[in-house]
């Protein structure tokens, strides 16, 4: 016989993962302010293996429009610069021999709209994941009726599942609204 609590907790776990995925995806979308997260996807060749940029350098934001990268090994300057240029960041690094600086240009209105649309797509992906988790769990509950689960318990579980779904959709909406506000603020 199906365990309703386990079924619902698995669904909630999947929904929580969708929200965490969205938070991560939105963190990587540049909003005109310096954010070290935009460098998370960049890998550099260090002693024959590709490692994240933050493993070979200290990265910080001295002001709202600059990211400073200070390599721990002087020989890494060229490698880091090349990795940044080859990435899809679209920012040219400036090297003064001590620190590599990335100047974050202000966003144009057109670019802001593109980024807002990109956020919307990421949000829609997360919503689809949540809906899929709900659908899969509903299917399990329906099969549970055939295995001897009472219809009352199944209906109660469905109601709980719908409330859970609505809660996570609201979380996603809140994340998207906050990110869009951040992007559109000049």
N, C-alpha and C. Protein backbone atom coordinates (compact mmCIF):
# COMPACT_ATOMS: atom_id res chain seq x y z
N UNK A 1 0.83 -1.20 0.00
CA UNK A 1 0.00 0.00 0.00
C UNK A 1 0.87 1.25 0.00
N UNK A 2 0.39 2.29 -0.64
CA UNK A 2 1.17 3.52 -0.80
C UNK A 2 1.17 4.34 0.50
N UNK A 3 2.32 4.93 0.84
CA UNK A 3 2.42 5.80 2.00
C UNK A 3 2.23 7.24 1.54
N UNK A 4 1.12 7.85 1.93
CA UNK A 4 0.75 9.19 1.44
C UNK A 4 1.77 10.23 1.89
N UNK A 5 2.23 10.14 3.15
CA UNK A 5 3.18 11.15 3.67
C UNK A 5 4.49 11.12 2.89
N UNK A 6 4.96 9.91 2.60
CA UNK A 6 6.21 9.78 1.83
C UNK A 6 6.01 10.35 0.44
N UNK A 7 4.85 10.05 -0.15
CA UNK A 7 4.53 10.54 -1.50
C UNK A 7 4.54 12.08 -1.54
N UNK A 8 3.88 12.68 -0.54
CA UNK A 8 3.81 14.15 -0.49
C UNK A 8 5.17 14.78 -0.19
N UNK A 9 5.96 14.12 0.68
CA UNK A 9 7.28 14.69 0.99
C UNK A 9 8.21 14.61 -0.21
N UNK A 10 8.08 13.54 -1.01
CA UNK A 10 8.89 13.45 -2.24
C UNK A 10 8.50 14.56 -3.21
N UNK A 11 7.20 14.83 -3.32
CA UNK A 11 6.74 15.90 -4.21
C UNK A 11 7.26 17.25 -3.73
N UNK A 12 7.21 17.47 -2.41
CA UNK A 12 7.68 18.74 -1.87
C UNK A 12 9.18 18.91 -2.11
N UNK A 13 9.91 17.81 -2.00
CA UNK A 13 11.35 17.86 -2.24
C UNK A 13 11.64 18.26 -3.68
N UNK A 14 10.90 17.69 -4.63
CA UNK A 14 11.08 18.04 -6.04
C UNK A 14 10.74 19.50 -6.29
N UNK A 15 9.67 19.98 -5.63
CA UNK A 15 9.27 21.39 -5.80
C UNK A 15 10.32 22.32 -5.21
N UNK A 16 10.87 21.94 -4.07
CA UNK A 16 11.92 22.74 -3.43
C UNK A 16 13.16 22.80 -4.33
N UNK A 17 13.49 21.67 -4.96
CA UNK A 17 14.64 21.64 -5.87
C UNK A 17 14.42 22.57 -7.06
N UNK A 18 13.18 22.64 -7.55
CA UNK A 18 12.87 23.54 -8.67
C UNK A 18 13.09 24.99 -8.26
N UNK A 19 12.70 25.34 -7.03
CA UNK A 19 12.89 26.71 -6.54
C UNK A 19 14.39 27.00 -6.37
N UNK A 20 15.14 26.03 -5.83
CA UNK A 20 16.58 26.23 -5.65
C UNK A 20 17.28 26.38 -7.01
N UNK A 21 16.84 25.59 -7.99
CA UNK A 21 17.40 25.71 -9.34
C UNK A 21 17.16 27.11 -9.88
N UNK A 22 15.94 27.61 -9.69
CA UNK A 22 15.62 28.95 -10.18
C UNK A 22 16.47 30.01 -9.49
N UNK A 23 16.63 29.90 -8.18
CA UNK A 23 17.46 30.87 -7.46
C UNK A 23 18.87 30.89 -8.03
N UNK A 24 19.41 29.70 -8.28
CA UNK A 24 20.77 29.58 -8.84
C UNK A 24 20.83 30.20 -10.23
N UNK A 25 19.84 29.88 -11.07
CA UNK A 25 19.81 30.40 -12.44
C UNK A 25 19.69 31.91 -12.45
N UNK A 26 18.86 32.46 -11.58
CA UNK A 26 18.68 33.92 -11.54
C UNK A 26 19.94 34.61 -11.01
N UNK A 27 20.67 33.96 -10.14
CA UNK A 27 21.90 34.55 -9.61
C UNK A 27 22.94 34.74 -10.71
N UNK A 28 22.88 33.90 -11.73
CA UNK A 28 23.87 33.99 -12.81
C UNK A 28 23.48 35.01 -13.88
N UNK A 29 22.29 35.56 -13.80
CA UNK A 29 21.86 36.56 -14.79
C UNK A 29 22.31 37.93 -14.31
N UNK A 30 23.10 38.58 -15.14
CA UNK A 30 23.71 39.86 -14.79
C UNK A 30 22.64 40.95 -14.77
N UNK A 31 22.61 41.74 -13.71
CA UNK A 31 21.58 42.77 -13.58
C UNK A 31 22.17 44.18 -13.53
N UNK A 32 23.32 44.40 -14.14
CA UNK A 32 23.90 45.74 -14.18
C UNK A 32 24.80 46.06 -13.00
N UNK A 33 24.70 45.28 -11.93
CA UNK A 33 25.55 45.47 -10.77
C UNK A 33 26.60 44.37 -10.76
N UNK A 34 27.74 44.67 -10.18
CA UNK A 34 28.80 43.67 -10.08
C UNK A 34 28.36 42.56 -9.15
N UNK A 35 28.48 41.33 -9.62
CA UNK A 35 28.10 40.17 -8.83
C UNK A 35 29.08 39.05 -9.17
N UNK A 36 29.77 38.55 -8.18
CA UNK A 36 30.79 37.53 -8.43
C UNK A 36 30.20 36.22 -8.94
N UNK A 37 28.91 36.01 -8.76
CA UNK A 37 28.25 34.78 -9.23
C UNK A 37 28.34 34.62 -10.75
N UNK A 38 28.44 35.74 -11.49
CA UNK A 38 28.49 35.62 -12.96
C UNK A 38 29.76 34.92 -13.43
N UNK A 39 30.75 34.80 -12.54
CA UNK A 39 32.02 34.14 -12.89
C UNK A 39 32.02 32.66 -12.52
N UNK A 40 30.95 32.18 -11.87
CA UNK A 40 30.92 30.79 -11.39
C UNK A 40 31.08 29.76 -12.50
N UNK A 41 30.60 30.05 -13.70
CA UNK A 41 30.67 29.08 -14.78
C UNK A 41 32.01 29.05 -15.49
N UNK A 42 32.90 29.98 -15.18
CA UNK A 42 34.18 30.07 -15.88
C UNK A 42 35.19 29.11 -15.26
N UNK A 43 35.79 28.30 -16.11
CA UNK A 43 36.81 27.33 -15.68
C UNK A 43 38.15 27.74 -16.29
N UNK A 44 39.21 27.57 -15.53
CA UNK A 44 40.55 27.89 -16.02
C UNK A 44 41.44 26.66 -15.91
N UNK A 45 42.45 26.61 -16.79
CA UNK A 45 43.39 25.49 -16.81
C UNK A 45 44.46 25.75 -15.75
N UNK A 46 44.44 24.95 -14.70
CA UNK A 46 45.42 25.10 -13.64
C UNK A 46 46.15 23.78 -13.46
N UNK A 47 47.43 23.76 -13.83
CA UNK A 47 48.27 22.57 -13.72
C UNK A 47 47.62 21.35 -14.37
N UNK A 48 47.07 21.55 -15.56
CA UNK A 48 46.55 20.45 -16.35
C UNK A 48 45.11 20.05 -16.11
N UNK A 49 44.42 20.73 -15.18
CA UNK A 49 43.00 20.39 -14.99
C UNK A 49 42.16 21.67 -14.96
N UNK A 50 40.93 21.55 -15.43
CA UNK A 50 40.03 22.70 -15.44
C UNK A 50 39.39 22.86 -14.06
N UNK A 51 39.59 24.03 -13.46
CA UNK A 51 39.04 24.30 -12.14
C UNK A 51 38.24 25.61 -12.18
N UNK A 52 37.30 25.79 -11.25
CA UNK A 52 36.57 27.06 -11.20
C UNK A 52 37.52 28.21 -10.93
N UNK A 53 37.16 29.37 -11.45
CA UNK A 53 38.01 30.57 -11.31
C UNK A 53 38.29 30.89 -9.85
N UNK A 54 37.30 30.70 -8.97
CA UNK A 54 37.51 31.05 -7.56
C UNK A 54 38.46 30.09 -6.84
N UNK A 55 38.91 29.02 -7.52
CA UNK A 55 39.91 28.11 -6.92
C UNK A 55 41.34 28.60 -7.15
N UNK A 56 41.54 29.55 -8.08
CA UNK A 56 42.89 30.03 -8.38
C UNK A 56 43.07 31.52 -8.10
N UNK A 57 41.99 32.18 -7.65
CA UNK A 57 42.08 33.62 -7.43
C UNK A 57 41.05 34.07 -6.39
N UNK A 58 41.36 35.20 -5.76
CA UNK A 58 40.40 35.83 -4.85
C UNK A 58 39.53 36.77 -5.70
N UNK A 59 38.22 36.65 -5.55
CA UNK A 59 37.30 37.46 -6.35
C UNK A 59 36.46 38.30 -5.40
N UNK A 60 36.40 39.60 -5.66
CA UNK A 60 35.53 40.45 -4.85
C UNK A 60 34.98 41.62 -5.67
N UNK A 61 34.11 42.39 -5.06
CA UNK A 61 33.50 43.54 -5.74
C UNK A 61 33.82 44.79 -4.93
N UNK A 62 34.85 45.55 -5.35
CA UNK A 62 35.21 46.75 -4.61
C UNK A 62 34.14 47.85 -4.69
N UNK A 63 33.38 47.88 -5.79
CA UNK A 63 32.26 48.81 -5.91
C UNK A 63 31.17 48.18 -6.76
N UNK A 64 30.09 48.91 -6.99
CA UNK A 64 28.92 48.35 -7.66
C UNK A 64 29.15 48.05 -9.14
N UNK A 65 30.19 48.61 -9.74
CA UNK A 65 30.42 48.43 -11.17
C UNK A 65 31.70 47.67 -11.51
N UNK A 66 32.38 47.11 -10.51
CA UNK A 66 33.67 46.46 -10.75
C UNK A 66 33.77 45.12 -10.02
N UNK A 67 34.36 44.16 -10.72
CA UNK A 67 34.74 42.89 -10.09
C UNK A 67 36.26 42.82 -10.15
N UNK A 68 36.89 42.57 -9.01
CA UNK A 68 38.35 42.47 -8.95
C UNK A 68 38.73 41.01 -8.75
N UNK A 69 39.68 40.55 -9.59
CA UNK A 69 40.17 39.17 -9.51
C UNK A 69 41.66 39.23 -9.23
N UNK A 70 42.08 38.68 -8.09
CA UNK A 70 43.50 38.69 -7.72
C UNK A 70 44.00 37.25 -7.69
N UNK A 71 44.71 36.83 -8.77
CA UNK A 71 45.23 35.46 -8.83
C UNK A 71 46.26 35.23 -7.74
N UNK A 72 46.26 34.01 -7.17
CA UNK A 72 47.24 33.68 -6.15
C UNK A 72 48.60 33.38 -6.78
N UNK A 73 48.59 32.98 -8.04
CA UNK A 73 49.82 32.66 -8.75
C UNK A 73 49.94 33.62 -9.94
N UNK A 74 51.06 34.36 -10.02
CA UNK A 74 51.23 35.36 -11.10
C UNK A 74 51.14 34.75 -12.49
N UNK A 75 51.48 33.47 -12.62
CA UNK A 75 51.46 32.85 -13.95
C UNK A 75 50.03 32.63 -14.45
N UNK A 76 49.04 32.83 -13.60
CA UNK A 76 47.65 32.57 -13.97
C UNK A 76 46.98 33.76 -14.67
N UNK A 77 47.63 34.94 -14.69
CA UNK A 77 47.01 36.13 -15.28
C UNK A 77 46.51 35.88 -16.70
N UNK A 78 47.39 35.38 -17.56
CA UNK A 78 47.04 35.16 -18.98
C UNK A 78 45.90 34.13 -19.10
N UNK A 79 46.01 33.05 -18.34
CA UNK A 79 45.02 31.97 -18.40
C UNK A 79 43.64 32.49 -18.00
N UNK A 80 43.61 33.27 -16.90
CA UNK A 80 42.33 33.82 -16.42
C UNK A 80 41.76 34.80 -17.43
N UNK A 81 42.61 35.69 -17.95
CA UNK A 81 42.13 36.65 -18.96
C UNK A 81 41.55 35.93 -20.17
N UNK A 82 42.26 34.92 -20.65
CA UNK A 82 41.78 34.17 -21.82
C UNK A 82 40.44 33.50 -21.53
N UNK A 83 40.31 32.91 -20.35
CA UNK A 83 39.06 32.24 -19.98
C UNK A 83 37.89 33.22 -19.94
N UNK A 84 38.14 34.43 -19.45
CA UNK A 84 37.08 35.44 -19.38
C UNK A 84 36.70 35.91 -20.78
N UNK A 85 37.71 36.14 -21.61
CA UNK A 85 37.45 36.60 -22.99
C UNK A 85 36.68 35.53 -23.77
N UNK A 86 37.06 34.25 -23.58
CA UNK A 86 36.41 33.15 -24.30
C UNK A 86 35.00 32.84 -23.78
N UNK A 87 34.67 33.33 -22.58
CA UNK A 87 33.35 33.03 -22.01
C UNK A 87 32.30 33.91 -22.69
N UNK A 88 31.03 33.67 -22.33
CA UNK A 88 29.95 34.45 -22.92
C UNK A 88 29.59 35.69 -22.08
N UNK A 89 30.51 36.13 -21.23
CA UNK A 89 30.26 37.31 -20.40
C UNK A 89 30.14 38.59 -21.23
N UNK A 90 31.00 38.72 -22.22
CA UNK A 90 30.99 39.93 -23.04
C UNK A 90 31.67 41.11 -22.36
N UNK A 91 32.60 40.85 -21.45
CA UNK A 91 33.30 41.91 -20.74
C UNK A 91 34.80 41.72 -20.94
N UNK A 92 35.50 42.79 -21.33
CA UNK A 92 36.95 42.71 -21.52
C UNK A 92 37.65 42.95 -20.18
N UNK A 93 38.54 42.03 -19.77
CA UNK A 93 39.27 42.23 -18.53
C UNK A 93 40.40 43.27 -18.69
N UNK A 94 40.66 44.00 -17.63
CA UNK A 94 41.77 44.96 -17.60
C UNK A 94 42.79 44.44 -16.57
N UNK A 95 44.06 44.33 -16.99
CA UNK A 95 45.09 43.77 -16.15
C UNK A 95 46.13 44.84 -15.84
N UNK A 96 46.40 45.09 -14.55
CA UNK A 96 47.44 46.05 -14.20
C UNK A 96 48.66 45.37 -13.58
N UNK A 97 48.76 44.05 -13.70
CA UNK A 97 49.90 43.31 -13.16
C UNK A 97 49.66 42.80 -11.76
N UNK A 98 48.75 43.40 -11.04
CA UNK A 98 48.41 42.97 -9.68
C UNK A 98 47.02 42.35 -9.63
N UNK A 99 46.08 43.02 -10.30
CA UNK A 99 44.67 42.63 -10.24
C UNK A 99 44.07 42.68 -11.64
N UNK A 100 43.17 41.75 -11.92
CA UNK A 100 42.39 41.80 -13.16
C UNK A 100 41.05 42.43 -12.79
N UNK A 101 40.70 43.51 -13.49
CA UNK A 101 39.43 44.18 -13.20
C UNK A 101 38.45 43.95 -14.34
N UNK A 102 37.20 43.72 -13.96
CA UNK A 102 36.11 43.62 -14.93
C UNK A 102 35.16 44.78 -14.66
N UNK A 103 35.07 45.69 -15.61
CA UNK A 103 34.14 46.80 -15.48
C UNK A 103 32.77 46.36 -15.99
N UNK A 104 31.77 46.41 -15.13
CA UNK A 104 30.42 46.00 -15.52
C UNK A 104 29.72 47.20 -16.16
N UNK A 105 29.45 47.12 -17.47
CA UNK A 105 28.81 48.26 -18.14
C UNK A 105 27.34 48.37 -17.73
N UNK A 106 26.80 49.59 -17.72
CA UNK A 106 25.37 49.73 -17.43
C UNK A 106 24.55 49.08 -18.55
N UNK A 107 23.41 48.54 -18.20
CA UNK A 107 22.58 47.85 -19.18
C UNK A 107 21.73 48.83 -19.98
N UNK A 108 21.58 48.55 -21.27
CA UNK A 108 20.67 49.36 -22.09
C UNK A 108 19.25 48.88 -21.85
N UNK A 109 18.27 49.69 -22.23
CA UNK A 109 16.86 49.32 -22.05
C UNK A 109 16.54 48.03 -22.77
N UNK A 110 17.07 47.88 -24.00
CA UNK A 110 16.82 46.68 -24.79
C UNK A 110 17.40 45.45 -24.09
N UNK A 111 18.62 45.57 -23.57
CA UNK A 111 19.27 44.45 -22.88
C UNK A 111 18.51 44.09 -21.60
N UNK A 112 17.99 45.11 -20.90
CA UNK A 112 17.20 44.85 -19.69
C UNK A 112 15.98 44.00 -20.03
N UNK A 113 15.32 44.33 -21.14
CA UNK A 113 14.13 43.59 -21.54
C UNK A 113 14.50 42.15 -21.91
N UNK A 114 15.64 41.98 -22.59
CA UNK A 114 16.10 40.62 -22.94
C UNK A 114 16.36 39.81 -21.66
N UNK A 115 17.02 40.42 -20.69
CA UNK A 115 17.32 39.72 -19.44
C UNK A 115 16.04 39.38 -18.68
N UNK A 116 15.07 40.30 -18.70
CA UNK A 116 13.79 40.04 -18.03
C UNK A 116 13.08 38.85 -18.70
N UNK A 117 13.18 38.81 -20.04
CA UNK A 117 12.57 37.70 -20.78
C UNK A 117 13.28 36.39 -20.43
N UNK A 118 14.61 36.44 -20.33
CA UNK A 118 15.39 35.25 -19.96
C UNK A 118 14.99 34.77 -18.57
N UNK A 119 14.79 35.71 -17.64
CA UNK A 119 14.34 35.34 -16.29
C UNK A 119 12.97 34.67 -16.36
N UNK A 120 12.10 35.20 -17.20
CA UNK A 120 10.77 34.63 -17.36
C UNK A 120 10.83 33.18 -17.85
N UNK A 121 11.74 32.93 -18.80
CA UNK A 121 11.89 31.56 -19.32
C UNK A 121 12.38 30.62 -18.22
N UNK A 122 13.36 31.08 -17.44
CA UNK A 122 13.87 30.25 -16.34
C UNK A 122 12.74 29.97 -15.33
N UNK A 123 11.94 31.01 -15.06
CA UNK A 123 10.83 30.85 -14.12
C UNK A 123 9.80 29.86 -14.65
N UNK A 124 9.53 29.92 -15.95
CA UNK A 124 8.56 29.01 -16.54
C UNK A 124 9.07 27.57 -16.46
N UNK A 125 10.38 27.37 -16.67
CA UNK A 125 10.96 26.03 -16.53
C UNK A 125 10.75 25.49 -15.11
N UNK A 126 10.97 26.36 -14.11
CA UNK A 126 10.79 25.94 -12.72
C UNK A 126 9.32 25.61 -12.45
N UNK A 127 8.42 26.41 -13.00
CA UNK A 127 6.98 26.15 -12.81
C UNK A 127 6.59 24.82 -13.44
N UNK A 128 7.13 24.54 -14.61
CA UNK A 128 6.84 23.26 -15.27
C UNK A 128 7.33 22.10 -14.40
N UNK A 129 8.51 22.25 -13.80
CA UNK A 129 9.02 21.20 -12.91
C UNK A 129 8.08 20.96 -11.74
N UNK A 130 7.55 22.05 -11.19
CA UNK A 130 6.63 21.94 -10.06
C UNK A 130 5.33 21.27 -10.50
N UNK A 131 4.82 21.66 -11.66
CA UNK A 131 3.59 21.03 -12.16
C UNK A 131 3.80 19.55 -12.44
N UNK A 132 4.98 19.21 -12.97
CA UNK A 132 5.29 17.80 -13.23
C UNK A 132 5.33 17.00 -11.93
N UNK A 133 5.92 17.59 -10.90
CA UNK A 133 5.97 16.90 -9.60
C UNK A 133 4.55 16.67 -9.08
N UNK A 134 3.69 17.67 -9.26
CA UNK A 134 2.29 17.52 -8.82
C UNK A 134 1.59 16.42 -9.61
N UNK A 135 1.77 16.45 -10.93
CA UNK A 135 1.12 15.45 -11.79
C UNK A 135 1.59 14.03 -11.43
N UNK A 136 2.90 13.86 -11.28
CA UNK A 136 3.45 12.54 -10.96
C UNK A 136 2.90 12.03 -9.62
N UNK A 137 2.82 12.93 -8.65
CA UNK A 137 2.31 12.54 -7.34
C UNK A 137 0.82 12.21 -7.42
N UNK A 138 0.05 13.00 -8.17
CA UNK A 138 -1.37 12.69 -8.36
C UNK A 138 -1.54 11.31 -8.99
N UNK A 139 -0.70 11.00 -9.97
CA UNK A 139 -0.77 9.68 -10.61
C UNK A 139 -0.50 8.56 -9.59
N UNK A 140 0.51 8.78 -8.72
CA UNK A 140 0.81 7.77 -7.70
C UNK A 140 -0.39 7.58 -6.77
N UNK A 141 -1.03 8.71 -6.41
CA UNK A 141 -2.18 8.63 -5.50
C UNK A 141 -3.35 7.89 -6.16
N UNK A 142 -3.56 8.14 -7.43
CA UNK A 142 -4.64 7.45 -8.17
C UNK A 142 -4.36 5.94 -8.21
N UNK A 143 -3.09 5.58 -8.44
CA UNK A 143 -2.72 4.15 -8.43
C UNK A 143 -2.89 3.57 -7.04
N UNK A 144 -2.70 4.42 -6.02
CA UNK A 144 -2.85 3.98 -4.64
C UNK A 144 -4.26 3.53 -4.33
N UNK A 145 -5.24 4.16 -4.97
CA UNK A 145 -6.64 3.77 -4.78
C UNK A 145 -6.83 2.31 -5.22
N UNK A 146 -6.21 1.97 -6.33
CA UNK A 146 -6.31 0.59 -6.83
C UNK A 146 -5.65 -0.39 -5.86
N UNK A 147 -4.63 0.09 -5.14
CA UNK A 147 -3.90 -0.78 -4.20
C UNK A 147 -4.55 -0.79 -2.82
N UNK A 148 -5.70 -0.15 -2.67
CA UNK A 148 -6.40 -0.22 -1.39
C UNK A 148 -6.42 1.07 -0.59
N UNK A 149 -5.91 2.17 -1.11
CA UNK A 149 -5.95 3.47 -0.42
C UNK A 149 -7.39 3.98 -0.47
N UNK A 150 -7.89 4.50 0.64
CA UNK A 150 -9.27 4.99 0.63
C UNK A 150 -9.36 6.28 -0.18
N UNK A 151 -10.52 6.50 -0.79
CA UNK A 151 -10.70 7.68 -1.64
C UNK A 151 -10.64 8.97 -0.83
N UNK A 152 -11.11 8.93 0.41
CA UNK A 152 -11.06 10.12 1.27
C UNK A 152 -9.62 10.56 1.52
N UNK A 153 -8.78 9.59 1.85
CA UNK A 153 -7.36 9.90 2.10
C UNK A 153 -6.72 10.43 0.81
N UNK A 154 -7.07 9.83 -0.33
CA UNK A 154 -6.51 10.27 -1.61
C UNK A 154 -6.94 11.71 -1.91
N UNK A 155 -8.21 12.03 -1.66
CA UNK A 155 -8.71 13.39 -1.91
C UNK A 155 -8.02 14.40 -0.99
N UNK A 156 -7.86 14.04 0.28
CA UNK A 156 -7.17 14.92 1.22
C UNK A 156 -5.73 15.15 0.78
N UNK A 157 -5.08 14.09 0.33
CA UNK A 157 -3.69 14.20 -0.13
C UNK A 157 -3.62 15.08 -1.37
N UNK A 158 -4.59 14.93 -2.27
CA UNK A 158 -4.63 15.78 -3.47
C UNK A 158 -4.78 17.24 -3.10
N UNK A 159 -5.65 17.52 -2.11
CA UNK A 159 -5.82 18.91 -1.66
C UNK A 159 -4.54 19.46 -1.06
N UNK A 160 -3.87 18.65 -0.23
CA UNK A 160 -2.59 19.07 0.36
C UNK A 160 -1.56 19.33 -0.74
N UNK A 161 -1.56 18.47 -1.73
CA UNK A 161 -0.62 18.59 -2.84
C UNK A 161 -0.88 19.89 -3.61
N UNK A 162 -2.14 20.21 -3.83
CA UNK A 162 -2.49 21.44 -4.55
C UNK A 162 -2.05 22.67 -3.75
N UNK A 163 -2.24 22.63 -2.43
CA UNK A 163 -1.80 23.75 -1.58
C UNK A 163 -0.29 23.90 -1.66
N UNK A 164 0.43 22.77 -1.63
CA UNK A 164 1.88 22.78 -1.74
C UNK A 164 2.30 23.38 -3.08
N UNK A 165 1.64 22.95 -4.15
CA UNK A 165 1.90 23.46 -5.51
C UNK A 165 1.73 24.96 -5.53
N UNK A 166 0.61 25.47 -4.99
CA UNK A 166 0.33 26.90 -5.00
C UNK A 166 1.39 27.68 -4.22
N UNK A 167 1.84 27.11 -3.09
CA UNK A 167 2.86 27.76 -2.26
C UNK A 167 4.16 27.93 -3.05
N UNK A 168 4.57 26.88 -3.76
CA UNK A 168 5.84 26.95 -4.49
C UNK A 168 5.73 27.82 -5.74
N UNK A 169 4.57 27.84 -6.36
CA UNK A 169 4.38 28.74 -7.51
C UNK A 169 4.48 30.19 -7.03
N UNK A 170 3.92 30.49 -5.86
CA UNK A 170 4.02 31.85 -5.30
C UNK A 170 5.47 32.21 -5.02
N UNK A 171 6.25 31.24 -4.50
CA UNK A 171 7.67 31.49 -4.24
C UNK A 171 8.38 31.87 -5.54
N UNK A 172 8.07 31.13 -6.61
CA UNK A 172 8.70 31.40 -7.90
C UNK A 172 8.31 32.78 -8.41
N UNK A 173 7.03 33.11 -8.29
CA UNK A 173 6.56 34.44 -8.71
C UNK A 173 7.30 35.54 -7.95
N UNK A 174 7.48 35.34 -6.64
CA UNK A 174 8.18 36.33 -5.82
C UNK A 174 9.63 36.49 -6.26
N UNK A 175 10.30 35.36 -6.53
CA UNK A 175 11.69 35.42 -7.01
C UNK A 175 11.78 36.16 -8.33
N UNK A 176 10.86 35.85 -9.25
CA UNK A 176 10.87 36.50 -10.57
C UNK A 176 10.60 37.99 -10.45
N UNK A 177 9.62 38.36 -9.61
CA UNK A 177 9.31 39.78 -9.43
C UNK A 177 10.51 40.54 -8.88
N UNK A 178 11.18 39.94 -7.88
CA UNK A 178 12.35 40.60 -7.28
C UNK A 178 13.47 40.77 -8.32
N UNK A 179 13.73 39.73 -9.11
CA UNK A 179 14.81 39.79 -10.11
C UNK A 179 14.47 40.79 -11.21
N UNK A 180 13.21 40.79 -11.64
CA UNK A 180 12.81 41.73 -12.69
C UNK A 180 12.93 43.17 -12.20
N UNK A 181 12.55 43.39 -10.94
CA UNK A 181 12.68 44.74 -10.35
C UNK A 181 14.15 45.14 -10.32
N UNK A 182 15.01 44.18 -9.94
CA UNK A 182 16.45 44.45 -9.88
C UNK A 182 17.00 44.78 -11.26
N UNK A 183 16.56 44.04 -12.29
CA UNK A 183 17.03 44.26 -13.66
C UNK A 183 16.55 45.60 -14.20
N UNK A 184 15.29 45.91 -13.97
CA UNK A 184 14.70 47.11 -14.56
C UNK A 184 15.07 48.40 -13.82
N UNK A 185 15.62 48.29 -12.60
CA UNK A 185 16.03 49.47 -11.86
C UNK A 185 17.33 50.02 -12.47
N UNK A 186 17.29 51.28 -12.84
CA UNK A 186 18.45 51.89 -13.50
C UNK A 186 19.37 52.46 -12.45
